[in-house]
Amino acid sequence: MSIGAIDTSRIEAMVAQLRAAAAQATPAGGAVADTAGTAKAAGAVDFSSALKSSLDQVNRVQSDAQKQAQRFALGDGSVSLSDTMISLQKSSIAMQQTIQVRNKLVQAYQDIMNMGI
């Protein structure tokens, strides 16, 4: 790769990662049993489990980025600066997204609480 050239293989790898994450976020078909033992409709997702899995994924991304940054700081030759910076930016974006979702949930709760009966 020459200086100033765009490495399309890394861009394609990033797009593939985004597609895989999107596919992982969409629920797989099939019924899920709830606490009462009845089956939910196919494609229905429990809000609390979706929120928990999202928070777990953000936590995983942040811990992976931190580990990669530590490896880079310790001089691990298998970790490049660009990969480290990309993983740290992914972590930052995931955290910003989580904060925005939280803000929207709080705003929705406040709107519902302020509604008249």
C-alpha atoms as a PDB file:
ATOM      1  CA  MET A   1       0.000   0.000   0.000  1.00  0.00           C
ATOM      2  CA  SER A   2       1.447   3.366  -0.975  1.00  0.00           C
ATOM      3  CA  ILE A   3       1.175   6.501   1.080  1.00  0.00           C
ATOM      4  CA  GLY A   4      -2.078   8.322   0.359  1.00  0.00           C
ATOM      5  CA  ALA A   5      -3.760   5.266  -1.167  1.00  0.00           C
ATOM      6  CA  ILE A   6      -6.937   3.891   0.363  1.00  0.00           C
ATOM      7  CA  ASP A   7      -6.766   0.329   1.612  1.00  0.00           C
ATOM      8  CA  THR A   8     -10.083  -1.046   0.343  1.00  0.00           C
ATOM      9  CA  SER A   9      -9.609  -4.410   2.021  1.00  0.00           C
ATOM     10  CA  ARG A  10      -9.896  -2.793   5.454  1.00  0.00           C
ATOM     11  CA  ILE A  11     -12.990  -0.866   4.373  1.00  0.00           C
ATOM     12  CA  GLU A  12     -14.561  -4.055   3.060  1.00  0.00           C
ATOM     13  CA  ALA A  13     -13.668  -5.826   6.303  1.00  0.00           C
ATOM     14  CA  MET A  14     -15.306  -3.021   8.285  1.00  0.00           C
ATOM     15  CA  VAL A  15     -18.466  -3.219   6.145  1.00  0.00           C
ATOM     16  CA  ALA A  16     -18.537  -6.980   6.674  1.00  0.00           C
ATOM     17  CA  GLN A  17     -18.258  -6.448  10.444  1.00  0.00           C
ATOM     18  CA  LEU A  18     -21.108  -3.935  10.376  1.00  0.00           C
ATOM     19  CA  ARG A  19     -23.291  -6.323   8.388  1.00  0.00           C
ATOM     20  CA  ALA A  20     -22.509  -9.144  10.815  1.00  0.00           C
ATOM     21  CA  ALA A  21     -23.394  -6.921  13.774  1.00  0.00           C
ATOM     22  CA  ALA A  22     -26.650  -5.900  12.086  1.00  0.00           C
ATOM     23  CA  ALA A  23     -27.507  -9.529  11.383  1.00  0.00           C
ATOM     24  CA  GLN A  24     -26.729 -10.393  14.997  1.00  0.00           C
ATOM     25  CA  ALA A  25     -28.966  -7.577  16.254  1.00  0.00           C
ATOM     26  CA  THR A  26     -31.996  -8.685  14.242  1.00  0.00           C
ATOM     27  CA  PRO A  27     -33.953 -11.424  15.992  1.00  0.00           C
ATOM     28  CA  ALA A  28     -33.920 -14.870  14.516  1.00  0.00           C
ATOM     29  CA  GLY A  29     -37.317 -16.340  13.726  1.00  0.00           C
ATOM     30  CA  GLY A  30     -38.935 -18.655  16.183  1.00  0.00           C
ATOM     31  CA  ALA A  31     -40.979 -18.522  19.312  1.00  0.00           C
ATOM     32  CA  VAL A  32     -39.553 -17.520  22.654  1.00  0.00           C
ATOM     33  CA  ALA A  33     -41.130 -18.744  25.872  1.00  0.00           C
ATOM     34  CA  ASP A  34     -41.929 -16.077  28.437  1.00  0.00           C
ATOM     35  CA  THR A  35     -42.188 -16.473  32.217  1.00  0.00           C
ATOM     36  CA  ALA A  36     -45.810 -17.628  32.026  1.00  0.00           C
ATOM     37  CA  GLY A  37     -44.807 -20.487  29.749  1.00  0.00           C
ATOM     38  CA  THR A  38     -46.763 -19.256  26.746  1.00  0.00           C
ATOM     39  CA  ALA A  39     -45.033 -18.695  23.430  1.00  0.00           C
ATOM     40  CA  LYS A  40     -44.541 -15.205  22.075  1.00  0.00           C
ATOM     41  CA  ALA A  41     -45.158 -14.396  18.431  1.00  0.00           C
ATOM     42  CA  ALA A  42     -42.317 -15.120  16.038  1.00  0.00           C
ATOM     43  CA  GLY A  43     -40.018 -12.119  15.736  1.00  0.00           C
ATOM     44  CA  ALA A  44     -41.198 -10.551  19.001  1.00  0.00           C
ATOM     45  CA  VAL A  45     -38.340  -9.422  21.222  1.00  0.00           C
ATOM     46  CA  ASP A  46     -38.481  -8.797  24.936  1.00  0.00           C
ATOM     47  CA  PHE A  47     -37.386  -5.188  25.492  1.00  0.00           C
ATOM     48  CA  SER A  48     -35.331  -5.948  28.584  1.00  0.00           C
ATOM     49  CA  SER A  49     -33.388  -8.735  26.870  1.00  0.00           C
ATOM     50  CA  ALA A  50     -32.763  -6.568  23.805  1.00  0.00           C
ATOM     51  CA  LEU A  51     -31.519  -3.737  26.012  1.00  0.00           C
ATOM     52  CA  LYS A  52     -29.321  -6.077  28.033  1.00  0.00           C
ATOM     53  CA  SER A  53     -27.771  -7.621  24.935  1.00  0.00           C
ATOM     54  CA  SER A  54     -27.070  -4.143  23.543  1.00  0.00           C
ATOM     55  CA  LEU A  55     -25.403  -3.059  26.763  1.00  0.00           C
ATOM     56  CA  ASP A  56     -23.386  -6.277  26.871  1.00  0.00           C
ATOM     57  CA  GLN A  57     -22.234  -5.678  23.303  1.00  0.00           C
ATOM     58  CA  VAL A  58     -21.170  -2.097  24.110  1.00  0.00           C
ATOM     59  CA  ASN A  59     -19.310  -3.381  27.158  1.00  0.00           C
ATOM     60  CA  ARG A  60     -17.586  -6.034  25.046  1.00  0.00           C
ATOM     61  CA  VAL A  61     -16.549  -3.474  22.406  1.00  0.00           C
ATOM     62  CA  GLN A  62     -15.142  -1.160  25.083  1.00  0.00           C
ATOM     63  CA  SER A  63     -13.179  -3.884  26.844  1.00  0.00           C
ATOM     64  CA  ASP A  64     -11.785  -5.170  23.527  1.00  0.00           C
ATOM     65  CA  ALA A  65     -10.696  -1.648  22.566  1.00  0.00           C
ATOM     66  CA  GLN A  66      -9.064  -1.140  25.952  1.00  0.00           C
ATOM     67  CA  LYS A  67      -7.194  -4.440  25.705  1.00  0.00           C
ATOM     68  CA  GLN A  68      -6.026  -3.604  22.187  1.00  0.00           C
ATOM     69  CA  ALA A  69      -4.842  -0.154  23.312  1.00  0.00           C
ATOM     70  CA  GLN A  70      -2.922  -1.737  26.191  1.00  0.00           C
ATOM     71  CA  ARG A  71      -1.290  -4.223  23.840  1.00  0.00           C
ATOM     72  CA  PHE A  72      -0.285  -1.388  21.505  1.00  0.00           C
ATOM     73  CA  ALA A  73       1.071   0.685  24.401  1.00  0.00           C
ATOM     74  CA  LEU A  74       3.143  -2.277  25.585  1.00  0.00           C
ATOM     75  CA  GLY A  75       4.733  -2.575  22.143  1.00  0.00           C
ATOM     76  CA  ASP A  76       2.956  -5.632  20.753  1.00  0.00           C
ATOM     77  CA  GLY A  77       4.041  -5.788  17.113  1.00  0.00           C
ATOM     78  CA  SER A  78       0.844  -7.518  15.986  1.00  0.00           C
ATOM     79  CA  VAL A  79      -1.274  -4.469  16.863  1.00  0.00           C
ATOM     80  CA  SER A  80      -1.116  -1.456  14.567  1.00  0.00           C
ATOM     81  CA  LEU A  81      -1.888   2.124  15.507  1.00  0.00           C
ATOM     82  CA  SER A  82      -4.652   2.388  12.907  1.00  0.00           C
ATOM     83  CA  ASP A  83      -6.411  -0.748  14.171  1.00  0.00           C
ATOM     84  CA  THR A  84      -6.139   0.539  17.733  1.00  0.00           C
ATOM     85  CA  MET A  85      -7.556   3.952  16.809  1.00  0.00           C
ATOM     86  CA  ILE A  86     -10.404   2.359  14.837  1.00  0.00           C
ATOM     87  CA  SER A  87     -11.359   0.110  17.751  1.00  0.00           C
ATOM     88  CA  LEU A  88     -11.254   3.070  20.148  1.00  0.00           C
ATOM     89  CA  GLN A  89     -13.490   5.088  17.806  1.00  0.00           C
ATOM     90  CA  LYS A  90     -15.923   2.157  17.537  1.00  0.00           C
ATOM     91  CA  SER A  91     -16.006   2.054  21.318  1.00  0.00           C
ATOM     92  CA  SER A  92     -16.660   5.783  21.531  1.00  0.00           C
ATOM     93  CA  ILE A  93     -19.446   5.658  18.946  1.00  0.00           C
ATOM     94  CA  ALA A  94     -21.081   2.699  20.705  1.00  0.00           C
ATOM     95  CA  MET A  95     -21.031   4.610  23.995  1.00  0.00           C
ATOM     96  CA  GLN A  96     -22.467   7.750  22.381  1.00  0.00           C
ATOM     97  CA  GLN A  97     -25.236   5.661  20.831  1.00  0.00           C
ATOM     98  CA  THR A  98     -26.020   4.112  24.211  1.00  0.00           C
ATOM     99  CA  ILE A  99     -26.208   7.536  25.833  1.00  0.00           C
ATOM    100  CA  GLN A 100     -28.562   8.788  23.106  1.00  0.00           C
ATOM    101  CA  VAL A 101     -30.834   5.766  23.542  1.00  0.00           C
ATOM    102  CA  ARG A 102     -30.877   6.367  27.293  1.00  0.00           C
ATOM    103  CA  ASN A 103     -31.752  10.039  26.747  1.00  0.00           C
ATOM    104  CA  LYS A 104     -34.632   9.094  24.427  1.00  0.00           C
ATOM    105  CA  LEU A 105     -35.949   6.544  26.939  1.00  0.00           C
ATOM    106  CA  VAL A 106     -35.850   9.077  29.758  1.00  0.00           C
ATOM    107  CA  GLN A 107     -37.594  11.660  27.575  1.00  0.00           C
ATOM    108  CA  ALA A 108     -40.293   9.128  26.595  1.00  0.00           C
ATOM    109  CA  TYR A 109     -40.818   8.218  30.252  1.00  0.00           C
ATOM    110  CA  GLN A 110     -41.137  11.889  31.193  1.00  0.00           C
ATOM    111  CA  ASP A 111     -43.605  12.472  28.360  1.00  0.00           C
ATOM    112  CA  ILE A 112     -45.741   9.545  29.494  1.00  0.00           C
ATOM    113  CA  MET A 113     -45.652  10.672  33.122  1.00  0.00           C
ATOM    114  CA  ASN A 114     -46.770  14.178  32.111  1.00  0.00           C
ATOM    115  CA  MET A 115     -49.775  12.934  30.135  1.00  0.00           C
ATOM    116  CA  GLY A 116     -53.200  13.660  31.527  1.00  0.00           C
ATOM    117  CA  ILE A 117     -55.583  10.825  32.200  1.00  0.00           C
END
